Amino acid sequence: MTKQNTSVNFLRSKAGMILGFITGMTAFLFLFKIIILDRTSPADELAPGIVMIAAIISGMCFAFVGRWAQNYWTKTR
């Protein structure tokens, strides 16, 4: 087995988790911008660290769902 085939198989096994994480972080940040940032005045201070931690947690939740879905679909085929 070549090195390229090994890396392709690794990415295929992690694709659901990676896409879920990216989708979860992006969705959280987009909704945060639409719901929270548009309604706050520029003078208000928001804690950017808390926002990023919440985005990472959201991404982890979506990664779990993506991994679960990928495992479900690969077992049914």
N, C-alpha and C. Protein backbone atom coordinates (compact mmCIF):
# COMPACT_ATOMS: atom_id res chain seq x y z
N MET A 1 0.85 -1.17 0.00
CA MET A 1 0.00 0.00 0.00
C MET A 1 0.90 1.24 0.00
N THR A 2 0.62 2.14 -0.90
CA THR A 2 1.45 3.34 -1.00
C THR A 2 1.04 4.35 0.05
N LYS A 3 1.93 5.32 0.22
CA LYS A 3 1.66 6.37 1.21
C LYS A 3 0.44 7.19 0.81
N GLN A 4 0.24 7.43 -0.49
CA GLN A 4 -0.90 8.22 -0.95
C GLN A 4 -2.22 7.50 -0.64
N ASN A 5 -2.28 6.21 -0.85
CA ASN A 5 -3.50 5.46 -0.55
C ASN A 5 -3.81 5.48 0.93
N THR A 6 -2.79 5.45 1.76
CA THR A 6 -2.99 5.50 3.20
C THR A 6 -3.60 6.82 3.62
N SER A 7 -3.09 7.93 3.06
CA SER A 7 -3.63 9.23 3.43
C SER A 7 -5.05 9.42 2.90
N VAL A 8 -5.35 8.87 1.75
CA VAL A 8 -6.72 8.97 1.21
C VAL A 8 -7.68 8.19 2.09
N ASN A 9 -7.29 7.00 2.52
CA ASN A 9 -8.15 6.21 3.40
C ASN A 9 -8.35 6.90 4.74
N PHE A 10 -7.31 7.55 5.26
CA PHE A 10 -7.43 8.28 6.52
C PHE A 10 -8.42 9.41 6.38
N LEU A 11 -8.33 10.17 5.27
CA LEU A 11 -9.26 11.29 5.06
C LEU A 11 -10.68 10.80 4.86
N ARG A 12 -10.84 9.67 4.19
CA ARG A 12 -12.20 9.13 4.02
C ARG A 12 -12.80 8.71 5.35
N SER A 13 -11.99 8.21 6.24
CA SER A 13 -12.51 7.78 7.53
C SER A 13 -12.83 8.96 8.44
N LYS A 14 -12.24 10.12 8.20
CA LYS A 14 -12.46 11.29 9.04
C LYS A 14 -13.29 12.38 8.36
N ALA A 15 -13.77 12.14 7.15
CA ALA A 15 -14.45 13.18 6.38
C ALA A 15 -15.71 13.69 7.08
N GLY A 16 -16.51 12.80 7.64
CA GLY A 16 -17.74 13.23 8.31
C GLY A 16 -17.45 14.10 9.52
N MET A 17 -16.42 13.73 10.26
CA MET A 17 -16.07 14.49 11.45
C MET A 17 -15.51 15.87 11.07
N ILE A 18 -14.66 15.92 10.06
CA ILE A 18 -14.07 17.20 9.64
C ILE A 18 -15.14 18.13 9.08
N LEU A 19 -15.99 17.60 8.21
CA LEU A 19 -17.05 18.44 7.63
C LEU A 19 -18.06 18.87 8.69
N GLY A 20 -18.35 18.01 9.64
CA GLY A 20 -19.26 18.38 10.72
C GLY A 20 -18.69 19.50 11.57
N PHE A 21 -17.40 19.42 11.90
CA PHE A 21 -16.77 20.46 12.71
C PHE A 21 -16.78 21.80 11.99
N ILE A 22 -16.41 21.79 10.72
CA ILE A 22 -16.39 23.04 9.95
C ILE A 22 -17.79 23.62 9.82
N THR A 23 -18.77 22.75 9.56
CA THR A 23 -20.16 23.21 9.44
C THR A 23 -20.67 23.79 10.76
N GLY A 24 -20.36 23.13 11.87
CA GLY A 24 -20.82 23.59 13.17
C GLY A 24 -20.23 24.94 13.56
N MET A 25 -18.93 25.11 13.35
CA MET A 25 -18.30 26.39 13.69
C MET A 25 -18.83 27.51 12.80
N THR A 26 -18.93 27.23 11.50
CA THR A 26 -19.40 28.24 10.57
C THR A 26 -20.84 28.64 10.86
N ALA A 27 -21.68 27.66 11.12
CA ALA A 27 -23.09 27.95 11.41
C ALA A 27 -23.23 28.77 12.68
N PHE A 28 -22.48 28.42 13.73
CA PHE A 28 -22.56 29.17 14.97
C PHE A 28 -22.12 30.61 14.77
N LEU A 29 -20.98 30.81 14.11
CA LEU A 29 -20.48 32.17 13.92
C LEU A 29 -21.41 33.00 13.04
N PHE A 30 -21.99 32.37 12.02
CA PHE A 30 -22.93 33.07 11.15
C PHE A 30 -24.19 33.48 11.91
N LEU A 31 -24.75 32.54 12.67
CA LEU A 31 -25.95 32.86 13.45
C LEU A 31 -25.65 33.87 14.55
N PHE A 32 -24.48 33.80 15.15
CA PHE A 32 -24.09 34.78 16.17
C PHE A 32 -24.02 36.17 15.56
N LYS A 33 -23.49 36.25 14.35
CA LYS A 33 -23.41 37.55 13.69
C LYS A 33 -24.79 38.09 13.38
N ILE A 34 -25.67 37.23 12.87
CA ILE A 34 -27.00 37.69 12.49
C ILE A 34 -27.85 38.02 13.72
N ILE A 35 -27.80 37.17 14.75
CA ILE A 35 -28.70 37.35 15.88
C ILE A 35 -28.16 38.35 16.91
N ILE A 36 -26.90 38.27 17.24
CA ILE A 36 -26.34 39.06 18.34
C ILE A 36 -25.67 40.34 17.85
N LEU A 37 -24.75 40.23 16.93
CA LEU A 37 -23.94 41.40 16.55
C LEU A 37 -24.76 42.49 15.86
N ASP A 38 -25.75 42.11 15.11
CA ASP A 38 -26.57 43.12 14.44
C ASP A 38 -27.44 43.91 15.41
N ARG A 39 -27.68 43.37 16.59
CA ARG A 39 -28.55 44.03 17.56
C ARG A 39 -27.79 44.74 18.68
N THR A 40 -26.49 44.67 18.68
CA THR A 40 -25.71 45.34 19.73
C THR A 40 -25.07 46.60 19.17
N SER A 41 -24.89 47.56 20.04
CA SER A 41 -24.26 48.81 19.59
C SER A 41 -22.74 48.61 19.57
N PRO A 42 -22.05 49.39 18.77
CA PRO A 42 -20.59 49.27 18.70
C PRO A 42 -19.90 49.59 20.02
N ALA A 43 -20.56 50.30 20.90
CA ALA A 43 -19.94 50.65 22.18
C ALA A 43 -19.94 49.48 23.17
N ASP A 44 -20.83 48.52 22.96
CA ASP A 44 -20.87 47.36 23.85
C ASP A 44 -19.65 46.48 23.62
N GLU A 45 -19.15 45.92 24.71
CA GLU A 45 -18.01 45.03 24.61
C GLU A 45 -18.49 43.59 24.73
N LEU A 46 -18.05 42.77 23.82
CA LEU A 46 -18.35 41.35 23.85
C LEU A 46 -17.04 40.59 24.07
N ALA A 47 -17.11 39.50 24.79
CA ALA A 47 -15.91 38.71 25.06
C ALA A 47 -15.66 37.77 23.88
N PRO A 48 -14.66 38.09 23.04
CA PRO A 48 -14.42 37.25 21.86
C PRO A 48 -13.95 35.84 22.22
N GLY A 49 -13.30 35.70 23.35
CA GLY A 49 -12.85 34.36 23.76
C GLY A 49 -14.01 33.43 24.03
N ILE A 50 -15.04 33.95 24.69
CA ILE A 50 -16.22 33.14 24.98
C ILE A 50 -16.95 32.76 23.69
N VAL A 51 -16.99 33.68 22.75
CA VAL A 51 -17.64 33.40 21.46
C VAL A 51 -16.90 32.28 20.74
N MET A 52 -15.57 32.32 20.74
CA MET A 52 -14.80 31.28 20.05
C MET A 52 -14.91 29.94 20.77
N ILE A 53 -14.94 29.95 22.09
CA ILE A 53 -15.10 28.69 22.83
C ILE A 53 -16.47 28.08 22.52
N ALA A 54 -17.49 28.91 22.47
CA ALA A 54 -18.82 28.41 22.13
C ALA A 54 -18.86 27.88 20.69
N ALA A 55 -18.14 28.54 19.78
CA ALA A 55 -18.09 28.07 18.39
C ALA A 55 -17.38 26.73 18.30
N ILE A 56 -16.32 26.54 19.07
CA ILE A 56 -15.60 25.27 19.06
C ILE A 56 -16.46 24.16 19.65
N ILE A 57 -17.18 24.46 20.72
CA ILE A 57 -18.08 23.46 21.30
C ILE A 57 -19.18 23.09 20.32
N SER A 58 -19.72 24.08 19.63
CA SER A 58 -20.72 23.80 18.60
C SER A 58 -20.13 22.95 17.49
N GLY A 59 -18.91 23.26 17.08
CA GLY A 59 -18.24 22.46 16.06
C GLY A 59 -18.02 21.03 16.51
N MET A 60 -17.69 20.84 17.78
CA MET A 60 -17.49 19.48 18.30
C MET A 60 -18.80 18.69 18.29
N CYS A 61 -19.88 19.35 18.63
CA CYS A 61 -21.19 18.67 18.60
C CYS A 61 -21.54 18.25 17.18
N PHE A 62 -21.33 19.14 16.23
CA PHE A 62 -21.60 18.80 14.83
C PHE A 62 -20.64 17.72 14.34
N ALA A 63 -19.39 17.72 14.81
CA ALA A 63 -18.43 16.68 14.43
C ALA A 63 -18.90 15.32 14.93
N PHE A 64 -19.43 15.28 16.15
CA PHE A 64 -19.97 14.02 16.68
C PHE A 64 -21.12 13.53 15.81
N VAL A 65 -22.01 14.43 15.43
CA VAL A 65 -23.15 14.04 14.58
C VAL A 65 -22.64 13.59 13.20
N GLY A 66 -21.65 14.29 12.66
CA GLY A 66 -21.09 13.90 11.37
C GLY A 66 -20.42 12.54 11.41
N ARG A 67 -19.71 12.27 12.50
CA ARG A 67 -19.06 10.96 12.66
C ARG A 67 -20.11 9.86 12.80
N TRP A 68 -21.15 10.13 13.59
CA TRP A 68 -22.22 9.15 13.75
C TRP A 68 -22.90 8.86 12.42
N ALA A 69 -23.19 9.92 11.65
CA ALA A 69 -23.87 9.74 10.36
C ALA A 69 -22.98 8.97 9.38
N GLN A 70 -21.69 9.29 9.36
CA GLN A 70 -20.78 8.59 8.46
C GLN A 70 -20.68 7.11 8.83
N ASN A 71 -20.57 6.81 10.11
CA ASN A 71 -20.52 5.41 10.54
C ASN A 71 -21.82 4.68 10.20
N TYR A 72 -22.95 5.35 10.35
CA TYR A 72 -24.24 4.74 10.03
C TYR A 72 -24.33 4.42 8.55
N TRP A 73 -23.93 5.39 7.71
CA TRP A 73 -24.04 5.18 6.26
C TRP A 73 -23.03 4.17 5.72
N THR A 74 -21.84 4.12 6.32
CA THR A 74 -20.86 3.14 5.82
C THR A 74 -21.24 1.72 6.26
N LYS A 75 -21.91 1.56 7.38
CA LYS A 75 -22.33 0.22 7.82
C LYS A 75 -23.53 -0.29 7.02
N THR A 76 -24.37 0.60 6.53
CA THR A 76 -25.55 0.17 5.78
C THR A 76 -25.22 -0.17 4.34
N ARG A 77 -24.09 0.25 3.84
CA ARG A 77 -23.73 -0.06 2.45
C ARG A 77 -23.06 -1.40 2.34
